[in-house]
């Protein structure tokens, strides 16, 4: 069975979730179902003691 993947450059990702929408659209996935899972990690301080907006995802 063939398995596909989405490869994303995390240095350019802005968190818009369009990869999720594209997967649903191209594969005719019904509303409420998902074929891929997007994990968001963060926000983490950019440096010791940093506060919003100095955070990284």
PDB file of N, CA and C in Angstrom:
ATOM      1  N   UNK A   1       0.841  -1.183   0.000  1.00  0.00           N
ATOM      2  CA  UNK A   1       0.000   0.000   0.000  1.00  0.00           C
ATOM      3  C   UNK A   1       0.886   1.246   0.000  1.00  0.00           C
ATOM      4  N   UNK A   2       0.581   2.163  -0.856  1.00  0.00           N
ATOM      5  CA  UNK A   2       1.345   3.397  -0.978  1.00  0.00           C
ATOM      6  C   UNK A   2       0.994   4.358   0.152  1.00  0.00           C
ATOM      7  N   UNK A   3       2.016   4.973   0.742  1.00  0.00           N
ATOM      8  CA  UNK A   3       1.810   5.984   1.768  1.00  0.00           C
ATOM      9  C   UNK A   3       2.441   7.282   1.298  1.00  0.00           C
ATOM     10  N   UNK A   4       1.709   8.363   1.458  1.00  0.00           N
ATOM     11  CA  UNK A   4       2.187   9.674   1.051  1.00  0.00           C
ATOM     12  C   UNK A   4       2.511  10.509   2.279  1.00  0.00           C
ATOM     13  N   UNK A   5       3.307  11.541   2.082  1.00  0.00           N
ATOM     14  CA  UNK A   5       3.681  12.422   3.181  1.00  0.00           C
ATOM     15  C   UNK A   5       3.747  13.859   2.674  1.00  0.00           C
ATOM     16  N   UNK A   6       3.595  14.783   3.590  1.00  0.00           N
ATOM     17  CA  UNK A   6       3.783  16.202   3.292  1.00  0.00           C
ATOM     18  C   UNK A   6       5.084  16.615   3.967  1.00  0.00           C
ATOM     19  N   UNK A   7       6.012  17.116   3.174  1.00  0.00           N
ATOM     20  CA  UNK A   7       7.286  17.571   3.708  1.00  0.00           C
ATOM     21  C   UNK A   7       7.231  19.091   3.819  1.00  0.00           C
ATOM     22  N   UNK A   8       7.525  19.606   5.009  1.00  0.00           N
ATOM     23  CA  UNK A   8       7.417  21.036   5.258  1.00  0.00           C
ATOM     24  C   UNK A   8       8.726  21.580   5.798  1.00  0.00           C
ATOM     25  N   UNK A   9       9.168  22.698   5.259  1.00  0.00           N
ATOM     26  CA  UNK A   9      10.333  23.400   5.769  1.00  0.00           C
ATOM     27  C   UNK A   9       9.878  24.222   6.972  1.00  0.00           C
ATOM     28  N   UNK A  10      10.202  23.777   8.172  1.00  0.00           N
ATOM     29  CA  UNK A  10       9.729  24.430   9.381  1.00  0.00           C
ATOM     30  C   UNK A  10      10.303  25.823   9.575  1.00  0.00           C
ATOM     31  N   UNK A  11      11.373  26.153   8.870  1.00  0.00           N
ATOM     32  CA  UNK A  11      11.917  27.508   8.936  1.00  0.00           C
ATOM     33  C   UNK A  11      11.040  28.502   8.174  1.00  0.00           C
ATOM     34  N   UNK A  12      10.186  27.995   7.273  1.00  0.00           N
ATOM     35  CA  UNK A  12       9.321  28.863   6.485  1.00  0.00           C
ATOM     36  C   UNK A  12       7.853  28.749   6.868  1.00  0.00           C
ATOM     37  N   UNK A  13       7.517  27.795   7.723  1.00  0.00           N
ATOM     38  CA  UNK A  13       6.127  27.578   8.136  1.00  0.00           C
ATOM     39  C   UNK A  13       5.650  28.743   9.001  1.00  0.00           C
ATOM     40  N   UNK A  14       4.453  29.274   8.676  1.00  0.00           N
ATOM     41  CA  UNK A  14       3.878  30.369   9.453  1.00  0.00           C
ATOM     42  C   UNK A  14       2.669  29.919  10.256  1.00  0.00           C
ATOM     43  N   UNK A  15       2.357  28.634  10.216  1.00  0.00           N
ATOM     44  CA  UNK A  15       1.251  28.091  11.003  1.00  0.00           C
ATOM     45  C   UNK A  15      -0.124  28.381  10.441  1.00  0.00           C
ATOM     46  N   UNK A  16      -0.257  28.534   9.132  1.00  0.00           N
ATOM     47  CA  UNK A  16      -1.534  28.896   8.519  1.00  0.00           C
ATOM     48  C   UNK A  16      -2.473  27.709   8.331  1.00  0.00           C
ATOM     49  N   UNK A  17      -1.971  26.492   8.507  1.00  0.00           N
ATOM     50  CA  UNK A  17      -2.743  25.257   8.393  1.00  0.00           C
ATOM     51  C   UNK A  17      -3.248  24.992   6.970  1.00  0.00           C
ATOM     52  N   UNK A  18      -2.693  25.649   5.951  1.00  0.00           N
ATOM     53  CA  UNK A  18      -3.139  25.404   4.587  1.00  0.00           C
ATOM     54  C   UNK A  18      -2.745  24.012   4.108  1.00  0.00           C
ATOM     55  N   UNK A  19      -1.725  23.407   4.700  1.00  0.00           N
ATOM     56  CA  UNK A  19      -1.369  22.033   4.344  1.00  0.00           C
ATOM     57  C   UNK A  19      -2.506  21.081   4.719  1.00  0.00           C
ATOM     58  N   UNK A  20      -3.162  21.353   5.835  1.00  0.00           N
ATOM     59  CA  UNK A  20      -4.302  20.561   6.266  1.00  0.00           C
ATOM     60  C   UNK A  20      -5.465  20.733   5.284  1.00  0.00           C
ATOM     61  N   UNK A  21      -5.744  21.962   4.895  1.00  0.00           N
ATOM     62  CA  UNK A  21      -6.827  22.242   3.948  1.00  0.00           C
ATOM     63  C   UNK A  21      -6.544  21.628   2.583  1.00  0.00           C
ATOM     64  N   UNK A  22      -5.310  21.704   2.123  1.00  0.00           N
ATOM     65  CA  UNK A  22      -4.946  21.140   0.830  1.00  0.00           C
ATOM     66  C   UNK A  22      -5.136  19.629   0.813  1.00  0.00           C
ATOM     67  N   UNK A  23      -4.746  18.959   1.883  1.00  0.00           N
ATOM     68  CA  UNK A  23      -4.911  17.506   1.975  1.00  0.00           C
ATOM     69  C   UNK A  23      -6.385  17.134   1.929  1.00  0.00           C
ATOM     70  N   UNK A  24      -7.210  17.850   2.694  1.00  0.00           N
ATOM     71  CA  UNK A  24      -8.645  17.561   2.715  1.00  0.00           C
ATOM     72  C   UNK A  24      -9.277  17.804   1.347  1.00  0.00           C
ATOM     73  N   UNK A  25      -8.871  18.875   0.681  1.00  0.00           N
ATOM     74  CA  UNK A  25      -9.447  19.236  -0.607  1.00  0.00           C
ATOM     75  C   UNK A  25      -9.075  18.240  -1.701  1.00  0.00           C
ATOM     76  N   UNK A  26      -7.803  17.904  -1.809  1.00  0.00           N
ATOM     77  CA  UNK A  26      -7.338  17.050  -2.902  1.00  0.00           C
ATOM     78  C   UNK A  26      -7.809  15.603  -2.746  1.00  0.00           C
ATOM     79  N   UNK A  27      -8.048  15.165  -1.495  1.00  0.00           N
ATOM     80  CA  UNK A  27      -8.458  13.785  -1.248  1.00  0.00           C
ATOM     81  C   UNK A  27      -9.947  13.630  -0.942  1.00  0.00           C
ATOM     82  N   UNK A  28     -10.707  14.710  -1.070  1.00  0.00           N
ATOM     83  CA  UNK A  28     -12.154  14.705  -0.811  1.00  0.00           C
ATOM     84  C   UNK A  28     -12.488  14.100   0.550  1.00  0.00           C
ATOM     85  N   UNK A  29     -11.778  14.544   1.569  1.00  0.00           N
ATOM     86  CA  UNK A  29     -11.998  14.064   2.933  1.00  0.00           C
ATOM     87  C   UNK A  29     -13.234  14.767   3.482  1.00  0.00           C
ATOM     88  N   UNK A  30     -14.182  14.018   4.070  1.00  0.00           N
ATOM     89  CA  UNK A  30     -15.405  14.645   4.572  1.00  0.00           C
ATOM     90  C   UNK A  30     -15.144  15.588   5.754  1.00  0.00           C
ATOM     91  N   UNK A  31     -16.063  16.520   5.954  1.00  0.00           N
ATOM     92  CA  UNK A  31     -15.961  17.473   7.056  1.00  0.00           C
ATOM     93  C   UNK A  31     -15.946  16.719   8.377  1.00  0.00           C
ATOM     94  N   UNK A  32     -15.052  17.106   9.262  1.00  0.00           N
ATOM     95  CA  UNK A  32     -14.923  16.460  10.566  1.00  0.00           C
ATOM     96  C   UNK A  32     -13.911  15.326  10.595  1.00  0.00           C
ATOM     97  N   UNK A  33     -13.439  14.892   9.425  1.00  0.00           N
ATOM     98  CA  UNK A  33     -12.428  13.836   9.343  1.00  0.00           C
ATOM     99  C   UNK A  33     -11.109  14.440   8.877  1.00  0.00           C
ATOM    100  N   UNK A  34     -10.014  13.821   9.282  1.00  0.00           N
ATOM    101  CA  UNK A  34      -8.690  14.300   8.900  1.00  0.00           C
ATOM    102  C   UNK A  34      -7.812  13.121   8.511  1.00  0.00           C
ATOM    103  N   UNK A  35      -6.997  13.293   7.488  1.00  0.00           N
ATOM    104  CA  UNK A  35      -6.034  12.273   7.093  1.00  0.00           C
ATOM    105  C   UNK A  35      -4.647  12.583   7.619  1.00  0.00           C
ATOM    106  N   UNK A  36      -4.421  13.789   8.053  1.00  0.00           N
ATOM    107  CA  UNK A  36      -3.103  14.150   8.569  1.00  0.00           C
ATOM    108  C   UNK A  36      -3.267  14.825   9.926  1.00  0.00           C
ATOM    109  N   UNK A  37      -2.226  14.798  10.688  1.00  0.00           N
ATOM    110  CA  UNK A  37      -2.226  15.417  12.008  1.00  0.00           C
ATOM    111  C   UNK A  37      -1.111  16.449  12.039  1.00  0.00           C
ATOM    112  N   UNK A  38      -1.429  17.635  12.489  1.00  0.00           N
ATOM    113  CA  UNK A  38      -0.446  18.708  12.587  1.00  0.00           C
ATOM    114  C   UNK A  38      -0.175  18.957  14.057  1.00  0.00           C
ATOM    115  N   UNK A  39       1.061  18.814  14.443  1.00  0.00           N
ATOM    116  CA  UNK A  39       1.445  19.028  15.829  1.00  0.00           C
ATOM    117  C   UNK A  39       2.079  20.400  15.962  1.00  0.00           C
ATOM    118  N   UNK A  40       1.550  21.192  16.867  1.00  0.00           N
ATOM    119  CA  UNK A  40       2.126  22.505  17.140  1.00  0.00           C
ATOM    120  C   UNK A  40       2.870  22.427  18.461  1.00  0.00           C
ATOM    121  N   UNK A  41       4.103  22.881  18.452  1.00  0.00           N
ATOM    122  CA  UNK A  41       4.930  22.844  19.648  1.00  0.00           C
ATOM    123  C   UNK A  41       5.314  24.277  19.980  1.00  0.00           C
ATOM    124  N   UNK A  42       4.978  24.704  21.174  1.00  0.00           N
ATOM    125  CA  UNK A  42       5.339  26.060  21.566  1.00  0.00           C
ATOM    126  C   UNK A  42       4.137  26.777  22.125  1.00  0.00           C
ATOM    127  N   UNK A  43       4.200  28.028  22.386  1.00  0.00           N
ATOM    128  CA  UNK A  43       5.344  28.900  22.152  1.00  0.00           C
ATOM    129  C   UNK A  43       6.419  28.733  23.218  1.00  0.00           C
ATOM    130  N   UNK A  44       7.635  28.861  22.815  1.00  0.00           N
ATOM    131  CA  UNK A  44       8.797  28.782  23.702  1.00  0.00           C
ATOM    132  C   UNK A  44       9.503  30.131  23.713  1.00  0.00           C
ATOM    133  N   UNK A  45      10.031  30.551  24.847  1.00  0.00           N
ATOM    134  CA  UNK A  45      10.754  31.832  24.896  1.00  0.00           C
ATOM    135  C   UNK A  45      11.942  31.820  23.932  1.00  0.00           C
ATOM    136  N   UNK A  46      12.145  32.894  23.204  1.00  0.00           N
ATOM    137  CA  UNK A  46      13.260  32.996  22.264  1.00  0.00           C
ATOM    138  C   UNK A  46      14.591  33.079  23.006  1.00  0.00           C
ATOM    139  N   UNK A  47      14.565  33.556  24.231  1.00  0.00           N
ATOM    140  CA  UNK A  47      15.767  33.636  25.066  1.00  0.00           C
ATOM    141  C   UNK A  47      15.305  33.610  26.517  1.00  0.00           C
ATOM    142  N   UNK A  48      16.214  33.432  27.420  1.00  0.00           N
ATOM    143  CA  UNK A  48      15.886  33.330  28.844  1.00  0.00           C
ATOM    144  C   UNK A  48      15.159  34.586  29.328  1.00  0.00           C
ATOM    145  N   UNK A  49      13.961  34.417  29.891  1.00  0.00           N
ATOM    146  CA  UNK A  49      13.191  35.526  30.412  1.00  0.00           C
ATOM    147  C   UNK A  49      12.353  36.264  29.377  1.00  0.00           C
ATOM    148  N   UNK A  50      12.302  35.767  28.141  1.00  0.00           N
ATOM    149  CA  UNK A  50      11.533  36.434  27.089  1.00  0.00           C
ATOM    150  C   UNK A  50      10.045  36.303  27.345  1.00  0.00           C
ATOM    151  N   UNK A  51       9.290  37.319  26.929  1.00  0.00           N
ATOM    152  CA  UNK A  51       7.839  37.308  27.011  1.00  0.00           C
ATOM    153  C   UNK A  51       7.276  37.627  25.636  1.00  0.00           C
ATOM    154  N   UNK A  52       5.967  37.433  25.482  1.00  0.00           N
ATOM    155  CA  UNK A  52       5.313  37.699  24.215  1.00  0.00           C
ATOM    156  C   UNK A  52       5.629  39.109  23.752  1.00  0.00           C
ATOM    157  N   UNK A  53       6.001  39.397  22.533  1.00  0.00           N
ATOM    158  CA  UNK A  53       5.997  38.555  21.333  1.00  0.00           C
ATOM    159  C   UNK A  53       7.341  37.895  21.028  1.00  0.00           C
ATOM    160  N   UNK A  54       8.281  37.904  21.941  1.00  0.00           N
ATOM    161  CA  UNK A  54       9.591  37.290  21.699  1.00  0.00           C
ATOM    162  C   UNK A  54       9.547  35.791  21.991  1.00  0.00           C
ATOM    163  N   UNK A  55       8.750  35.047  21.206  1.00  0.00           N
ATOM    164  CA  UNK A  55       8.620  33.605  21.384  1.00  0.00           C
ATOM    165  C   UNK A  55       8.816  32.902  20.046  1.00  0.00           C
ATOM    166  N   UNK A  56       9.179  31.644  20.098  1.00  0.00           N
ATOM    167  CA  UNK A  56       9.358  30.806  18.903  1.00  0.00           C
ATOM    168  C   UNK A  56       8.377  29.653  18.982  1.00  0.00           C
ATOM    169  N   UNK A  57       7.941  29.173  17.825  1.00  0.00           N
ATOM    170  CA  UNK A  57       7.089  27.990  17.761  1.00  0.00           C
ATOM    171  C   UNK A  57       7.953  26.788  17.534  1.00  0.00           C
TER     172      UNK A  57
END
